[in-house]
Amino acid sequence: MNTTTAPSTAHMMGRIAASLLGGYAFTWGVTTLGITGLVALGVDYHEAHTVLMLLAFLVFLAVFLWAFAARSLTRVWGVLGLGGAGMTGAAWLLQQQLI
Protein backbone atom coordinates (compact mmCIF):
# COMPACT_ATOMS: atom_id res chain seq x y z
CA MET A 1 0.00 0.00 0.00
CA ASN A 2 1.35 3.40 -0.99
CA THR A 3 0.99 5.96 1.75
CA THR A 4 1.69 9.56 0.91
CA THR A 5 1.54 12.57 3.15
CA ALA A 6 -0.22 15.74 2.21
CA PRO A 7 2.08 18.69 1.50
CA SER A 8 2.37 21.27 4.23
CA THR A 9 0.62 24.61 4.03
CA ALA A 10 3.96 26.40 3.62
CA HIS A 11 4.89 24.12 0.72
CA MET A 12 1.59 24.75 -1.04
CA MET A 13 1.89 28.50 -0.49
CA GLY A 14 5.38 28.29 -2.00
CA ARG A 15 3.98 26.48 -5.04
CA ILE A 16 1.21 29.03 -5.44
CA ALA A 17 3.64 31.94 -5.11
CA ALA A 18 6.06 30.32 -7.56
CA SER A 19 3.32 29.66 -10.08
CA LEU A 20 1.94 33.20 -9.94
CA LEU A 21 4.97 35.40 -9.22
CA GLY A 22 7.60 33.23 -10.87
CA GLY A 23 5.30 32.56 -13.81
CA TYR A 24 4.74 36.27 -14.26
CA ALA A 25 8.48 37.02 -14.10
CA PHE A 26 9.28 34.25 -16.59
CA THR A 27 6.52 35.34 -18.96
CA TRP A 28 7.72 38.96 -18.69
CA GLY A 29 11.23 37.83 -19.62
CA VAL A 30 10.05 35.80 -22.61
CA THR A 31 7.89 38.68 -23.80
CA THR A 32 10.50 41.42 -23.45
CA LEU A 33 13.25 39.33 -25.02
CA GLY A 34 10.93 38.22 -27.83
CA ILE A 35 9.75 41.73 -28.67
CA THR A 36 13.26 43.13 -28.54
CA GLY A 37 14.62 40.28 -30.64
CA LEU A 38 11.94 40.65 -33.29
CA VAL A 39 12.45 44.41 -33.47
CA ALA A 40 16.19 43.80 -33.86
CA LEU A 41 15.37 41.50 -36.80
CA GLY A 42 13.36 44.27 -38.47
CA VAL A 43 9.80 43.43 -37.46
CA ASP A 44 7.57 46.42 -36.67
CA TYR A 45 7.26 46.99 -32.89
CA HIS A 46 3.46 46.78 -32.87
CA GLU A 47 3.44 43.51 -34.78
CA ALA A 48 6.09 42.03 -32.48
CA HIS A 49 4.16 43.21 -29.44
CA THR A 50 0.91 41.67 -30.66
CA VAL A 51 2.51 38.32 -31.47
CA LEU A 52 4.34 38.08 -28.15
CA MET A 53 1.30 39.11 -26.12
CA LEU A 54 -0.69 36.30 -27.74
CA LEU A 55 2.15 33.89 -27.03
CA ALA A 56 2.49 35.14 -23.44
CA PHE A 57 -0.83 33.58 -22.49
CA LEU A 58 0.38 30.14 -23.54
CA VAL A 59 3.78 30.60 -21.87
CA PHE A 60 2.17 31.65 -18.58
CA LEU A 61 -0.26 28.73 -18.70
CA ALA A 62 2.58 26.26 -19.32
CA VAL A 63 4.82 27.53 -16.52
CA PHE A 64 1.88 27.89 -14.13
CA LEU A 65 0.99 24.22 -14.59
CA TRP A 66 4.64 23.14 -14.51
CA ALA A 67 5.12 24.88 -11.16
CA PHE A 68 2.66 22.41 -9.63
CA ALA A 69 3.85 19.35 -11.56
CA ALA A 70 7.60 19.70 -10.92
CA ARG A 71 9.10 17.69 -8.07
CA SER A 72 11.45 20.32 -6.71
CA LEU A 73 10.11 23.65 -5.54
CA THR A 74 13.67 24.98 -5.51
CA ARG A 75 14.06 24.10 -9.19
CA VAL A 76 10.77 25.84 -9.98
CA TRP A 77 11.89 29.05 -8.26
CA GLY A 78 15.29 28.80 -9.91
CA VAL A 79 14.02 28.31 -13.43
CA LEU A 80 11.22 30.84 -13.24
CA GLY A 81 12.96 33.52 -11.19
CA LEU A 82 16.46 33.29 -12.64
CA GLY A 83 15.16 32.58 -16.13
CA GLY A 84 12.86 35.58 -16.03
CA ALA A 85 15.58 37.85 -14.66
CA GLY A 86 18.12 36.57 -17.18
CA MET A 87 15.84 37.06 -20.16
CA THR A 88 14.82 40.52 -18.99
CA GLY A 89 18.48 41.46 -18.58
CA ALA A 90 19.32 40.10 -22.03
CA ALA A 91 16.43 42.09 -23.52
CA TRP A 92 17.67 45.24 -21.79
CA LEU A 93 21.18 44.75 -23.16
CA LEU A 94 19.84 44.10 -26.66
CA GLN A 95 17.65 47.18 -26.45
CA GLN A 96 20.68 49.29 -25.54
CA GLN A 97 22.31 48.13 -28.77
CA LEU A 98 19.25 49.15 -30.80
CA ILE A 99 18.96 52.67 -29.42
PDB file of N, CA and C in Angstrom:
ATOM      1  N   MET A   1       0.841  -1.180   0.000  1.00  0.00           N
ATOM      2  CA  MET A   1       0.000   0.000   0.000  1.00  0.00           C
ATOM      3  C   MET A   1       0.885   1.241   0.000  1.00  0.00           C
ATOM      4  N   ASN A   2       0.582   2.165  -0.863  1.00  0.00           N
ATOM      5  CA  ASN A   2       1.355   3.397  -0.990  1.00  0.00           C
ATOM      6  C   ASN A   2       0.731   4.461  -0.105  1.00  0.00           C
ATOM      7  N   THR A   3       1.490   4.894   0.883  1.00  0.00           N
ATOM      8  CA  THR A   3       0.989   5.964   1.751  1.00  0.00           C
ATOM      9  C   THR A   3       1.770   7.229   1.446  1.00  0.00           C
ATOM     10  N   THR A   4       1.060   8.265   1.166  1.00  0.00           N
ATOM     11  CA  THR A   4       1.690   9.562   0.910  1.00  0.00           C
ATOM     12  C   THR A   4       1.144  10.567   1.909  1.00  0.00           C
ATOM     13  N   THR A   5       1.982  11.521   2.241  1.00  0.00           N
ATOM     14  CA  THR A   5       1.539  12.569   3.151  1.00  0.00           C
ATOM     15  C   THR A   5       1.156  13.799   2.345  1.00  0.00           C
ATOM     16  N   ALA A   6       0.214  14.512   2.863  1.00  0.00           N
ATOM     17  CA  ALA A   6      -0.222  15.741   2.206  1.00  0.00           C
ATOM     18  C   ALA A   6       0.858  16.805   2.377  1.00  0.00           C
ATOM     19  N   PRO A   7       1.074  17.626   1.365  1.00  0.00           N
ATOM     20  CA  PRO A   7       2.077  18.690   1.495  1.00  0.00           C
ATOM     21  C   PRO A   7       1.662  19.696   2.562  1.00  0.00           C
ATOM     22  N   SER A   8       2.657  20.294   3.189  1.00  0.00           N
ATOM     23  CA  SER A   8       2.372  21.274   4.229  1.00  0.00           C
ATOM     24  C   SER A   8       1.778  22.548   3.611  1.00  0.00           C
ATOM     25  N   THR A   9       1.199  23.344   4.477  1.00  0.00           N
ATOM     26  CA  THR A   9       0.618  24.606   4.026  1.00  0.00           C
ATOM     27  C   THR A   9       1.700  25.524   3.453  1.00  0.00           C
ATOM     28  N   ALA A  10       2.859  25.548   4.104  1.00  0.00           N
ATOM     29  CA  ALA A  10       3.957  26.399   3.624  1.00  0.00           C
ATOM     30  C   ALA A  10       4.417  25.949   2.239  1.00  0.00           C
ATOM     31  N   HIS A  11       4.469  24.633   2.029  1.00  0.00           N
ATOM     32  CA  HIS A  11       4.888  24.123   0.724  1.00  0.00           C
ATOM     33  C   HIS A  11       3.875  24.513  -0.356  1.00  0.00           C
ATOM     34  N   MET A  12       2.612  24.385  -0.049  1.00  0.00           N
ATOM     35  CA  MET A  12       1.586  24.754  -1.039  1.00  0.00           C
ATOM     36  C   MET A  12       1.585  26.253  -1.305  1.00  0.00           C
ATOM     37  N   MET A  13       1.809  27.054  -0.276  1.00  0.00           N
ATOM     38  CA  MET A  13       1.887  28.499  -0.488  1.00  0.00           C
ATOM     39  C   MET A  13       3.107  28.840  -1.350  1.00  0.00           C
ATOM     40  N   GLY A  14       4.194  28.100  -1.163  1.00  0.00           N
ATOM     41  CA  GLY A  14       5.379  28.290  -1.999  1.00  0.00           C
ATOM     42  C   GLY A  14       5.104  27.945  -3.449  1.00  0.00           C
ATOM     43  N   ARG A  15       4.358  26.862  -3.667  1.00  0.00           N
ATOM     44  CA  ARG A  15       3.983  26.483  -5.038  1.00  0.00           C
ATOM     45  C   ARG A  15       3.079  27.536  -5.672  1.00  0.00           C
ATOM     46  N   ILE A  16       2.126  28.017  -4.915  1.00  0.00           N
ATOM     47  CA  ILE A  16       1.206  29.026  -5.436  1.00  0.00           C
ATOM     48  C   ILE A  16       1.967  30.312  -5.773  1.00  0.00           C
ATOM     49  N   ALA A  17       2.850  30.734  -4.861  1.00  0.00           N
ATOM     50  CA  ALA A  17       3.643  31.941  -5.110  1.00  0.00           C
ATOM     51  C   ALA A  17       4.555  31.754  -6.312  1.00  0.00           C
ATOM     52  N   ALA A  18       5.176  30.579  -6.420  1.00  0.00           N
ATOM     53  CA  ALA A  18       6.059  30.320  -7.561  1.00  0.00           C
ATOM     54  C   ALA A  18       5.271  30.329  -8.861  1.00  0.00           C
ATOM     55  N   SER A  19       4.095  29.722  -8.840  1.00  0.00           N
ATOM     56  CA  SER A  19       3.320  29.657 -10.078  1.00  0.00           C
ATOM     57  C   SER A  19       2.847  31.036 -10.517  1.00  0.00           C
ATOM     58  N   LEU A  20       2.445  31.878  -9.575  1.00  0.00           N
ATOM     59  CA  LEU A  20       1.944  33.202  -9.937  1.00  0.00           C
ATOM     60  C   LEU A  20       3.070  34.215 -10.141  1.00  0.00           C
ATOM     61  N   LEU A  21       3.916  34.390  -9.137  1.00  0.00           N
ATOM     62  CA  LEU A  21       4.975  35.400  -9.223  1.00  0.00           C
ATOM     63  C   LEU A  21       6.094  34.970 -10.162  1.00  0.00           C
ATOM     64  N   GLY A  22       6.553  33.736  -9.991  1.00  0.00           N
ATOM     65  CA  GLY A  22       7.603  33.233 -10.870  1.00  0.00           C
ATOM     66  C   GLY A  22       7.113  33.108 -12.305  1.00  0.00           C
ATOM     67  N   GLY A  23       5.872  32.664 -12.469  1.00  0.00           N
ATOM     68  CA  GLY A  23       5.298  32.559 -13.809  1.00  0.00           C
ATOM     69  C   GLY A  23       5.191  33.908 -14.484  1.00  0.00           C
ATOM     70  N   TYR A  24       4.819  34.924 -13.711  1.00  0.00           N
ATOM     71  CA  TYR A  24       4.739  36.274 -14.259  1.00  0.00           C
ATOM     72  C   TYR A  24       6.123  36.770 -14.668  1.00  0.00           C
ATOM     73  N   ALA A  25       7.117  36.565 -13.798  1.00  0.00           N
ATOM     74  CA  ALA A  25       8.477  37.016 -14.101  1.00  0.00           C
ATOM     75  C   ALA A  25       9.027  36.311 -15.339  1.00  0.00           C
ATOM     76  N   PHE A  26       8.792  35.003 -15.443  1.00  0.00           N
ATOM     77  CA  PHE A  26       9.283  34.251 -16.591  1.00  0.00           C
ATOM     78  C   PHE A  26       8.586  34.701 -17.869  1.00  0.00           C
ATOM     79  N   THR A  27       7.280  34.894 -17.793  1.00  0.00           N
ATOM     80  CA  THR A  27       6.523  35.343 -18.958  1.00  0.00           C
ATOM     81  C   THR A  27       6.958  36.752 -19.371  1.00  0.00           C
ATOM     82  N   TRP A  28       7.216  37.607 -18.407  1.00  0.00           N
ATOM     83  CA  TRP A  28       7.721  38.956 -18.693  1.00  0.00           C
ATOM     84  C   TRP A  28       9.043  38.868 -19.436  1.00  0.00           C
ATOM     85  N   GLY A  29       9.930  37.998 -18.970  1.00  0.00           N
ATOM     86  CA  GLY A  29      11.225  37.833 -19.615  1.00  0.00           C
ATOM     87  C   GLY A  29      11.107  37.334 -21.042  1.00  0.00           C
ATOM     88  N   VAL A  30      10.255  36.330 -21.252  1.00  0.00           N
ATOM     89  CA  VAL A  30      10.048  35.802 -22.608  1.00  0.00           C
ATOM     90  C   VAL A  30       9.495  36.897 -23.510  1.00  0.00           C
ATOM     91  N   THR A  31       8.540  37.643 -23.005  1.00  0.00           N
ATOM     92  CA  THR A  31       7.891  38.682 -23.800  1.00  0.00           C
ATOM     93  C   THR A  31       8.859  39.814 -24.155  1.00  0.00           C
ATOM     94  N   THR A  32       9.588  40.310 -23.162  1.00  0.00           N
ATOM     95  CA  THR A  32      10.503  41.415 -23.450  1.00  0.00           C
ATOM     96  C   THR A  32      11.628  40.987 -24.381  1.00  0.00           C
ATOM     97  N   LEU A  33      12.176  39.804 -24.147  1.00  0.00           N
ATOM     98  CA  LEU A  33      13.248  39.327 -25.020  1.00  0.00           C
ATOM     99  C   LEU A  33      12.721  39.054 -26.427  1.00  0.00           C
ATOM    100  N   GLY A  34      11.523  38.500 -26.522  1.00  0.00           N
ATOM    101  CA  GLY A  34      10.934  38.221 -27.835  1.00  0.00           C
ATOM    102  C   GLY A  34      10.652  39.482 -28.627  1.00  0.00           C
ATOM    103  N   ILE A  35      10.049  40.472 -27.979  1.00  0.00           N
ATOM    104  CA  ILE A  35       9.746  41.726 -28.666  1.00  0.00           C
ATOM    105  C   ILE A  35      11.037  42.412 -29.110  1.00  0.00           C
ATOM    106  N   THR A  36      12.000  42.485 -28.204  1.00  0.00           N
ATOM    107  CA  THR A  36      13.264  43.134 -28.543  1.00  0.00           C
ATOM    108  C   THR A  36      13.986  42.395 -29.659  1.00  0.00           C
ATOM    109  N   GLY A  37      13.971  41.075 -29.598  1.00  0.00           N
ATOM    110  CA  GLY A  37      14.617  40.276 -30.643  1.00  0.00           C
ATOM    111  C   GLY A  37      13.962  40.451 -31.993  1.00  0.00           C
ATOM    112  N   LEU A  38      12.636  40.467 -32.021  1.00  0.00           N
ATOM    113  CA  LEU A  38      11.944  40.651 -33.293  1.00  0.00           C
ATOM    114  C   LEU A  38      12.174  42.041 -33.864  1.00  0.00           C
ATOM    115  N   VAL A  39      12.178  43.045 -33.000  1.00  0.00           N
ATOM    116  CA  VAL A  39      12.450  44.406 -33.473  1.00  0.00           C
ATOM    117  C   VAL A  39      13.869  44.486 -34.025  1.00  0.00           C
ATOM    118  N   ALA A  40      14.810  43.811 -33.362  1.00  0.00           N
ATOM    119  CA  ALA A  40      16.193  43.796 -33.855  1.00  0.00           C
ATOM    120  C   ALA A  40      16.286  43.122 -35.220  1.00  0.00           C
ATOM    121  N   LEU A  41      15.379  42.183 -35.499  1.00  0.00           N
ATOM    122  CA  LEU A  41      15.367  41.502 -36.796  1.00  0.00           C
ATOM    123  C   LEU A  41      14.608  42.272 -37.869  1.00  0.00           C
ATOM    124  N   GLY A  42      14.026  43.420 -37.488  1.00  0.00           N
ATOM    125  CA  GLY A  42      13.364  44.265 -38.470  1.00  0.00           C
ATOM    126  C   GLY A  42      11.853  44.210 -38.467  1.00  0.00           C
ATOM    127  N   VAL A  43      11.266  43.495 -37.535  1.00  0.00           N
ATOM    128  CA  VAL A  43       9.805  43.432 -37.456  1.00  0.00           C
ATOM    129  C   VAL A  43       9.301  44.716 -36.795  1.00  0.00           C
ATOM    130  N   ASP A  44       8.170  45.233 -37.254  1.00  0.00           N
ATOM    131  CA  ASP A  44       7.565  46.421 -36.668  1.00  0.00           C
ATOM    132  C   ASP A  44       7.247  46.153 -35.195  1.00  0.00           C
ATOM    133  N   TYR A  45       7.470  47.155 -34.334  1.00  0.00           N
ATOM    134  CA  TYR A  45       7.255  46.986 -32.891  1.00  0.00           C
ATOM    135  C   TYR A  45       5.844  46.517 -32.578  1.00  0.00           C
ATOM    136  N   HIS A  46       4.844  47.114 -33.187  1.00  0.00           N
ATOM    137  CA  HIS A  46       3.459  46.779 -32.866  1.00  0.00           C
ATOM    138  C   HIS A  46       3.108  45.346 -33.272  1.00  0.00           C
ATOM    139  N   GLU A  47       3.658  44.891 -34.370  1.00  0.00           N
ATOM    140  CA  GLU A  47       3.435  43.508 -34.782  1.00  0.00           C
ATOM    141  C   GLU A  47       4.121  42.546 -33.814  1.00  0.00           C
ATOM    142  N   ALA A  48       5.357  42.860 -33.438  1.00  0.00           N
ATOM    143  CA  ALA A  48       6.089  42.026 -32.484  1.00  0.00           C
ATOM    144  C   ALA A  48       5.365  41.986 -31.141  1.00  0.00           C
ATOM    145  N   HIS A  49       4.879  43.130 -30.711  1.00  0.00           N
ATOM    146  CA  HIS A  49       4.161  43.214 -29.442  1.00  0.00           C
ATOM    147  C   HIS A  49       2.899  42.356 -29.476  1.00  0.00           C
ATOM    148  N   THR A  50       2.131  42.444 -30.540  1.00  0.00           N
ATOM    149  CA  THR A  50       0.906  41.670 -30.657  1.00  0.00           C
ATOM    150  C   THR A  50       1.188  40.176 -30.640  1.00  0.00           C
ATOM    151  N   VAL A  51       2.168  39.745 -31.406  1.00  0.00           N
ATOM    152  CA  VAL A  51       2.506  38.317 -31.471  1.00  0.00           C
ATOM    153  C   VAL A  51       2.950  37.807 -30.106  1.00  0.00           C
ATOM    154  N   LEU A  52       3.813  38.537 -29.444  1.00  0.00           N
ATOM    155  CA  LEU A  52       4.335  38.075 -28.153  1.00  0.00           C
ATOM    156  C   LEU A  52       3.286  38.139 -27.059  1.00  0.00           C
ATOM    157  N   MET A  53       2.370  39.078 -27.118  1.00  0.00           N
ATOM    158  CA  MET A  53       1.302  39.113 -26.119  1.00  0.00           C
ATOM    159  C   MET A  53       0.350  37.919 -26.282  1.00  0.00           C
ATOM    160  N   LEU A  54       0.119  37.502 -27.515  1.00  0.00           N
ATOM    161  CA  LEU A  54      -0.688  36.304 -27.736  1.00  0.00           C
ATOM    162  C   LEU A  54       0.047  35.066 -27.241  1.00  0.00           C
ATOM    163  N   LEU A  55       1.337  35.013 -27.483  1.00  0.00           N
ATOM    164  CA  LEU A  55       2.154  33.893 -27.034  1.00  0.00           C
ATOM    165  C   LEU A  55       2.310  33.877 -25.518  1.00  0.00           C
ATOM    166  N   ALA A  56       2.301  35.039 -24.890  1.00  0.00           N
ATOM    167  CA  ALA A  56       2.491  35.138 -23.442  1.00  0.00           C
ATOM    168  C   ALA A  56       1.437  34.351 -22.675  1.00  0.00           C
ATOM    169  N   PHE A  57       0.219  34.333 -23.167  1.00  0.00           N
ATOM    170  CA  PHE A  57      -0.834  33.577 -22.493  1.00  0.00           C
ATOM    171  C   PHE A  57      -0.474  32.099 -22.420  1.00  0.00           C
ATOM    172  N   LEU A  58       0.023  31.550 -23.518  1.00  0.00           N
ATOM    173  CA  LEU A  58       0.383  30.137 -23.541  1.00  0.00           C
ATOM    174  C   LEU A  58       1.613  29.854 -22.681  1.00  0.00           C
ATOM    175  N   VAL A  59       2.575  30.769 -22.699  1.00  0.00           N
ATOM    176  CA  VAL A  59       3.778  30.604 -21.873  1.00  0.00           C
ATOM    177  C   VAL A  59       3.394  30.611 -20.395  1.00  0.00           C
ATOM    178  N   PHE A  60       2.570  31.575 -19.988  1.00  0.00           N
ATOM    179  CA  PHE A  60       2.168  31.648 -18.581  1.00  0.00           C
ATOM    180  C   PHE A  60       1.398  30.395 -18.178  1.00  0.00           C
ATOM    181  N   LEU A  61       0.502  29.937 -19.013  1.00  0.00           N
ATOM    182  CA  LEU A  61      -0.257  28.733 -18.703  1.00  0.00           C
ATOM    183  C   LEU A  61       0.668  27.537 -18.517  1.00  0.00           C
ATOM    184  N   ALA A  62       1.649  27.389 -19.404  1.00  0.00           N
ATOM    185  CA  ALA A  62       2.577  26.258 -19.317  1.00  0.00           C
ATOM    186  C   ALA A  62       3.414  26.307 -18.043  1.00  0.00           C
ATOM    187  N   VAL A  63       3.979  27.464 -17.714  1.00  0.00           N
ATOM    188  CA  VAL A  63       4.824  27.531 -16.520  1.00  0.00           C
ATOM    189  C   VAL A  63       3.990  27.485 -15.243  1.00  0.00           C
ATOM    190  N   PHE A  64       2.779  27.984 -15.284  1.00  0.00           N
ATOM    191  CA  PHE A  64       1.878  27.888 -14.133  1.00  0.00           C
ATOM    192  C   PHE A  64       1.601  26.430 -13.805  1.00  0.00           C
ATOM    193  N   LEU A  65       1.260  25.645 -14.814  1.00  0.00           N
ATOM    194  CA  LEU A  65       0.990  24.223 -14.590  1.00  0.00           C
ATOM    195  C   LEU A  65       2.251  23.464 -14.202  1.00  0.00           C
ATOM    196  N   TRP A  66       3.388  23.804 -14.830  1.00  0.00           N
ATOM    197  CA  TRP A  66       4.639  23.135 -14.515  1.00  0.00           C
ATOM    198  C   TRP A  66       5.055  23.376 -13.066  1.00  0.00           C
ATOM    199  N   ALA A  67       4.753  24.567 -12.535  1.00  0.00           N
ATOM    200  CA  ALA A  67       5.116  24.878 -11.157  1.00  0.00           C
ATOM    201  C   ALA A  67       4.472  23.913 -10.171  1.00  0.00           C
ATOM    202  N   PHE A  68       3.321  23.380 -10.500  1.00  0.00           N
ATOM    203  CA  PHE A  68       2.660  22.408  -9.631  1.00  0.00           C
ATOM    204  C   PHE A  68       3.066  20.976  -9.943  1.00  0.00           C
ATOM    205  N   ALA A  69       3.500  20.712 -11.155  1.00  0.00           N
ATOM    206  CA  ALA A  69       3.848  19.351 -11.556  1.00  0.00           C
ATOM    207  C   ALA A  69       5.296  18.989 -11.235  1.00  0.00           C
ATOM    208  N   ALA A  70       6.174  19.965 -11.150  1.00  0.00           N
ATOM    209  CA  ALA A  70       7.598  19.698 -10.916  1.00  0.00           C
ATOM    210  C   ALA A  70       7.805  19.138  -9.514  1.00  0.00           C
ATOM    211  N   ARG A  71       8.817  18.295  -9.378  1.00  0.00           N
ATOM    212  CA  ARG A  71       9.097  17.687  -8.073  1.00  0.00           C
ATOM    213  C   ARG A  71       9.739  18.663  -7.103  1.00  0.00           C
ATOM    214  N   SER A  72      10.662  19.457  -7.584  1.00  0.00           N
ATOM    215  CA  SER A  72      11.451  20.316  -6.709  1.00  0.00           C
ATOM    216  C   SER A  72      10.957  21.760  -6.765  1.00  0.00           C
ATOM    217  N   LEU A  73      10.537  22.260  -5.617  1.00  0.00           N
ATOM    218  CA  LEU A  73      10.107  23.650  -5.543  1.00  0.00           C
ATOM    219  C   LEU A  73      11.294  24.590  -5.748  1.00  0.00           C
ATOM    220  N   THR A  74      12.471  24.169  -5.297  1.00  0.00           N
ATOM    221  CA  THR A  74      13.674  24.978  -5.508  1.00  0.00           C
ATOM    222  C   THR A  74      13.979  25.124  -6.990  1.00  0.00           C
ATOM    223  N   ARG A  75      13.830  24.048  -7.747  1.00  0.00           N
ATOM    224  CA  ARG A  75      14.058  24.103  -9.188  1.00  0.00           C
ATOM    225  C   ARG A  75      13.049  25.027  -9.857  1.00  0.00           C
ATOM    226  N   VAL A  76      11.802  24.976  -9.410  1.00  0.00           N
ATOM    227  CA  VAL A  76      10.765  25.843  -9.984  1.00  0.00           C
ATOM    228  C   VAL A  76      11.136  27.307  -9.777  1.00  0.00           C
ATOM    229  N   TRP A  77      11.497  27.671  -8.529  1.00  0.00           N
ATOM    230  CA  TRP A  77      11.885  29.051  -8.262  1.00  0.00           C
ATOM    231  C   TRP A  77      13.118  29.439  -9.055  1.00  0.00           C
ATOM    232  N   GLY A  78      14.071  28.518  -9.167  1.00  0.00           N
ATOM    233  CA  GLY A  78      15.292  28.805  -9.907  1.00  0.00           C
ATOM    234  C   GLY A  78      15.042  29.062 -11.379  1.00  0.00           C
ATOM    235  N   VAL A  79      14.294  28.172 -11.996  1.00  0.00           N
ATOM    236  CA  VAL A  79      14.025  28.308 -13.431  1.00  0.00           C
ATOM    237  C   VAL A  79      13.185  29.550 -13.707  1.00  0.00           C
ATOM    238  N   LEU A  80      12.118  29.721 -12.962  1.00  0.00           N
ATOM    239  CA  LEU A  80      11.219  30.841 -13.243  1.00  0.00           C
ATOM    240  C   LEU A  80      11.823  32.179 -12.842  1.00  0.00           C
ATOM    241  N   GLY A  81      12.398  32.256 -11.653  1.00  0.00           N
ATOM    242  CA  GLY A  81      12.958  33.521 -11.192  1.00  0.00           C
ATOM    243  C   GLY A  81      14.225  33.908 -11.923  1.00  0.00           C
ATOM    244  N   LEU A  82      15.187  32.989 -11.960  1.00  0.00           N
ATOM    245  CA  LEU A  82      16.456  33.293 -12.636  1.00  0.00           C
ATOM    246  C   LEU A  82      16.279  33.375 -14.147  1.00  0.00           C
ATOM    247  N   GLY A  83      15.424  32.519 -14.694  1.00  0.00           N
ATOM    248  CA  GLY A  83      15.162  32.578 -16.132  1.00  0.00           C
ATOM    249  C   GLY A  83      14.504  33.883 -16.526  1.00  0.00           C
ATOM    250  N   GLY A  84      13.523  34.310 -15.753  1.00  0.00           N
ATOM    251  CA  GLY A  84      12.858  35.582 -16.033  1.00  0.00           C
ATOM    252  C   GLY A  84      13.799  36.758 -15.906  1.00  0.00           C
ATOM    253  N   ALA A  85      14.612  36.760 -14.852  1.00  0.00           N
ATOM    254  CA  ALA A  85      15.579  37.852 -14.662  1.00  0.00           C
ATOM    255  C   ALA A  85      16.638  37.840 -15.761  1.00  0.00           C
ATOM    256  N   GLY A  86      17.103  36.669 -16.131  1.00  0.00           N
ATOM    257  CA  GLY A  86      18.118  36.572 -17.183  1.00  0.00           C
ATOM    258  C   GLY A  86      17.611  37.044 -18.533  1.00  0.00           C
ATOM    259  N   MET A  87      16.390  36.625 -18.882  1.00  0.00           N
ATOM    260  CA  MET A  87      15.836  37.057 -20.165  1.00  0.00           C
ATOM    261  C   MET A  87      15.540  38.548 -20.180  1.00  0.00           C
ATOM    262  N   THR A  88      15.074  39.087 -19.060  1.00  0.00           N
ATOM    263  CA  THR A  88      14.823  40.524 -18.986  1.00  0.00           C
ATOM    264  C   THR A  88      16.129  41.295 -19.110  1.00  0.00           C
ATOM    265  N   GLY A  89      17.178  40.820 -18.454  1.00  0.00           N
ATOM    266  CA  GLY A  89      18.480  41.461 -18.575  1.00  0.00           C
ATOM    267  C   GLY A  89      19.024  41.397 -19.993  1.00  0.00           C
ATOM    268  N   ALA A  90      18.863  40.239 -20.642  1.00  0.00           N
ATOM    269  CA  ALA A  90      19.316  40.101 -22.029  1.00  0.00           C
ATOM    270  C   ALA A  90      18.544  41.038 -22.948  1.00  0.00           C
ATOM    271  N   ALA A  91      17.239  41.175 -22.716  1.00  0.00           N
ATOM    272  CA  ALA A  91      16.433  42.088 -23.523  1.00  0.00           C
ATOM    273  C   ALA A  91      16.874  43.526 -23.311  1.00  0.00           C
ATOM    274  N   TRP A  92      17.209  43.882 -22.070  1.00  0.00           N
ATOM    275  CA  TRP A  92      17.667  45.239 -21.787  1.00  0.00           C
ATOM    276  C   TRP A  92      18.984  45.521 -22.507  1.00  0.00           C
ATOM    277  N   LEU A  93      19.904  44.559 -22.466  1.00  0.00           N
ATOM    278  CA  LEU A  93      21.179  44.748 -23.160  1.00  0.00           C
ATOM    279  C   LEU A  93      20.999  44.866 -24.677  1.00  0.00           C
ATOM    280  N   LEU A  94      20.110  44.034 -25.233  1.00  0.00           N
ATOM    281  CA  LEU A  94      19.842  44.104 -26.663  1.00  0.00           C
ATOM    282  C   LEU A  94      19.194  45.431 -27.032  1.00  0.00           C
ATOM    283  N   GLN A  95      18.302  45.900 -26.181  1.00  0.00           N
ATOM    284  CA  GLN A  95      17.647  47.181 -26.446  1.00  0.00           C
ATOM    285  C   GLN A  95      18.661  48.314 -26.459  1.00  0.00           C
ATOM    286  N   GLN A  96      19.639  48.259 -25.573  1.00  0.00           N
ATOM    287  CA  GLN A  96      20.685  49.290 -25.540  1.00  0.00           C
ATOM    288  C   GLN A  96      21.461  49.331 -26.848  1.00  0.00           C
ATOM    289  N   GLN A  97      21.616  48.194 -27.489  1.00  0.00           N
ATOM    290  CA  GLN A  97      22.309  48.135 -28.766  1.00  0.00           C
ATOM    291  C   GLN A  97      21.457  48.731 -29.891  1.00  0.00           C
ATOM    292  N   LEU A  98      20.144  48.651 -29.758  1.00  0.00           N
ATOM    293  CA  LEU A  98      19.250  49.145 -30.798  1.00  0.00           C
ATOM    294  C   LEU A  98      19.056  50.653 -30.743  1.00  0.00           C
ATOM    295  N   ILE A  99      19.222  51.229 -29.575  1.00  0.00           N
ATOM    296  CA  ILE A  99      18.961  52.672 -29.416  1.00  0.00           C
ATOM    297  C   ILE A  99      20.094  53.490 -29.936  1.00  0.00           C
TER     298      ILE A  99
END
